Amino acid sequence: MDELKALESSGFTLPSIAYLAGSFAFSILGYAAYRYGKNASRSGPYWIGIALMVYPYFIGETWIMYAAGAGLCAALFVFRN
């Protein structure tokens, strides 16, 4: 418990369960899109899949992560063919 207080006092906070679940879900969707794009030789799903796997590392707010993930999933739906 003292370790958590030391981390929080230094400005480090652990992510919430909602953030971790969203990060995991979007990474799985990204991996599936990446594999589909690679096997079907389609650059759209390939690059959107990479973006879905990587972007949670750069976003700190949960609602922004879900909004960006929904946008990338919508782009994946539009550029699937």
C-alpha atoms as a PDB file:
ATOM      1  CA  MET A   1       0.000   0.000   0.000  1.00  0.00           C
ATOM      2  CA  ASP A   2       2.881   2.344   0.741  1.00  0.00           C
ATOM      3  CA  GLU A   3       4.224   1.720  -2.757  1.00  0.00           C
ATOM      4  CA  LEU A   4       0.960   2.948  -4.299  1.00  0.00           C
ATOM      5  CA  LYS A   5       1.047   6.093  -2.178  1.00  0.00           C
ATOM      6  CA  ALA A   6       4.649   6.710  -3.223  1.00  0.00           C
ATOM      7  CA  LEU A   7       3.724   6.279  -6.893  1.00  0.00           C
ATOM      8  CA  GLU A   8       0.713   8.586  -6.600  1.00  0.00           C
ATOM      9  CA  SER A   9       2.723  11.248  -4.804  1.00  0.00           C
ATOM     10  CA  SER A  10       5.250  11.212  -7.652  1.00  0.00           C
ATOM     11  CA  GLY A  11       2.475  11.823 -10.203  1.00  0.00           C
ATOM     12  CA  PHE A  12       2.104   8.270 -11.504  1.00  0.00           C
ATOM     13  CA  THR A  13      -1.399   6.823 -11.551  1.00  0.00           C
ATOM     14  CA  LEU A  14      -2.465   3.358 -12.555  1.00  0.00           C
ATOM     15  CA  PRO A  15      -4.960   3.024 -15.423  1.00  0.00           C
ATOM     16  CA  SER A  16      -8.561   2.139 -14.664  1.00  0.00           C
ATOM     17  CA  ILE A  17     -10.163  -1.187 -15.476  1.00  0.00           C
ATOM     18  CA  ALA A  18     -12.196   0.487 -18.250  1.00  0.00           C
ATOM     19  CA  TYR A  19      -8.976   1.779 -19.838  1.00  0.00           C
ATOM     20  CA  LEU A  20      -7.272  -1.615 -19.662  1.00  0.00           C
ATOM     21  CA  ALA A  21     -10.323  -3.415 -21.078  1.00  0.00           C
ATOM     22  CA  GLY A  22     -10.631  -0.952 -23.952  1.00  0.00           C
ATOM     23  CA  SER A  23      -6.932  -1.124 -24.689  1.00  0.00           C
ATOM     24  CA  PHE A  24      -7.070  -4.918 -24.779  1.00  0.00           C
ATOM     25  CA  ALA A  25     -10.216  -5.012 -26.947  1.00  0.00           C
ATOM     26  CA  PHE A  26      -8.940  -2.492 -29.494  1.00  0.00           C
ATOM     27  CA  SER A  27      -5.568  -4.246 -29.646  1.00  0.00           C
ATOM     28  CA  ILE A  28      -7.276  -7.576 -30.422  1.00  0.00           C
ATOM     29  CA  LEU A  29      -9.386  -5.923 -33.137  1.00  0.00           C
ATOM     30  CA  GLY A  30      -6.246  -4.277 -34.482  1.00  0.00           C
ATOM     31  CA  TYR A  31      -4.389  -7.565 -34.628  1.00  0.00           C
ATOM     32  CA  ALA A  32      -7.268  -9.184 -36.511  1.00  0.00           C
ATOM     33  CA  ALA A  33      -7.386  -6.277 -38.982  1.00  0.00           C
ATOM     34  CA  TYR A  34      -3.607  -6.404 -39.392  1.00  0.00           C
ATOM     35  CA  ARG A  35      -3.671 -10.134 -40.163  1.00  0.00           C
ATOM     36  CA  TYR A  36      -6.565  -9.712 -42.595  1.00  0.00           C
ATOM     37  CA  GLY A  37      -4.829  -6.847 -44.377  1.00  0.00           C
ATOM     38  CA  LYS A  38      -1.568  -8.751 -44.570  1.00  0.00           C
ATOM     39  CA  ASN A  39      -3.113 -11.980 -45.867  1.00  0.00           C
ATOM     40  CA  ALA A  40      -5.439 -10.233 -48.336  1.00  0.00           C
ATOM     41  CA  SER A  41      -2.715  -7.788 -49.481  1.00  0.00           C
ATOM     42  CA  ARG A  42      -4.887  -4.779 -48.584  1.00  0.00           C
ATOM     43  CA  SER A  43      -3.097  -1.749 -47.248  1.00  0.00           C
ATOM     44  CA  GLY A  44      -6.137  -0.074 -45.635  1.00  0.00           C
ATOM     45  CA  PRO A  45      -6.944  -2.752 -43.041  1.00  0.00           C
ATOM     46  CA  TYR A  46      -3.216  -3.415 -42.588  1.00  0.00           C
ATOM     47  CA  TRP A  47      -2.370   0.140 -41.493  1.00  0.00           C
ATOM     48  CA  ILE A  48      -5.593   0.672 -39.552  1.00  0.00           C
ATOM     49  CA  GLY A  49      -4.848  -2.557 -37.678  1.00  0.00           C
ATOM     50  CA  ILE A  50      -1.386  -1.299 -36.770  1.00  0.00           C
ATOM     51  CA  ALA A  51      -2.896   1.997 -35.612  1.00  0.00           C
ATOM     52  CA  LEU A  52      -5.468   0.154 -33.462  1.00  0.00           C
ATOM     53  CA  MET A  53      -2.725  -1.852 -31.787  1.00  0.00           C
ATOM     54  CA  VAL A  54      -0.423   1.101 -31.089  1.00  0.00           C
ATOM     55  CA  TYR A  55      -2.545   4.172 -30.315  1.00  0.00           C
ATOM     56  CA  PRO A  56      -3.570   3.255 -26.716  1.00  0.00           C
ATOM     57  CA  TYR A  57       0.075   3.716 -25.685  1.00  0.00           C
ATOM     58  CA  PHE A  58      -0.094   7.398 -26.584  1.00  0.00           C
ATOM     59  CA  ILE A  59      -3.510   8.353 -25.167  1.00  0.00           C
ATOM     60  CA  GLY A  60      -4.010   8.888 -21.456  1.00  0.00           C
ATOM     61  CA  GLU A  61      -7.720   9.646 -21.142  1.00  0.00           C
ATOM     62  CA  THR A  62     -10.183   6.760 -21.268  1.00  0.00           C
ATOM     63  CA  TRP A  63     -12.924   8.576 -23.167  1.00  0.00           C
ATOM     64  CA  ILE A  64     -10.459   9.797 -25.809  1.00  0.00           C
ATOM     65  CA  MET A  65      -9.166   6.253 -26.244  1.00  0.00           C
ATOM     66  CA  TYR A  66     -12.702   4.917 -26.778  1.00  0.00           C
ATOM     67  CA  ALA A  67     -13.547   7.745 -29.204  1.00  0.00           C
ATOM     68  CA  ALA A  68     -10.367   7.205 -31.233  1.00  0.00           C
ATOM     69  CA  GLY A  69     -10.902   3.432 -31.214  1.00  0.00           C
ATOM     70  CA  ALA A  70     -14.469   3.829 -32.435  1.00  0.00           C
ATOM     71  CA  GLY A  71     -13.241   6.152 -35.187  1.00  0.00           C
ATOM     72  CA  LEU A  72     -10.553   3.700 -36.272  1.00  0.00           C
ATOM     73  CA  CYS A  73     -13.073   0.833 -36.240  1.00  0.00           C
ATOM     74  CA  ALA A  74     -15.401   2.926 -38.403  1.00  0.00           C
ATOM     75  CA  ALA A  75     -12.494   3.601 -40.777  1.00  0.00           C
ATOM     76  CA  LEU A  76     -11.801  -0.131 -40.837  1.00  0.00           C
ATOM     77  CA  PHE A  77     -15.414  -0.764 -41.819  1.00  0.00           C
ATOM     78  CA  VAL A  78     -15.234   1.848 -44.614  1.00  0.00           C
ATOM     79  CA  PHE A  79     -11.855   0.709 -45.977  1.00  0.00           C
ATOM     80  CA  ARG A  80     -12.351  -3.052 -45.633  1.00  0.00           C
ATOM     81  CA  ASN A  81     -12.592  -3.595 -49.411  1.00  0.00           C
END
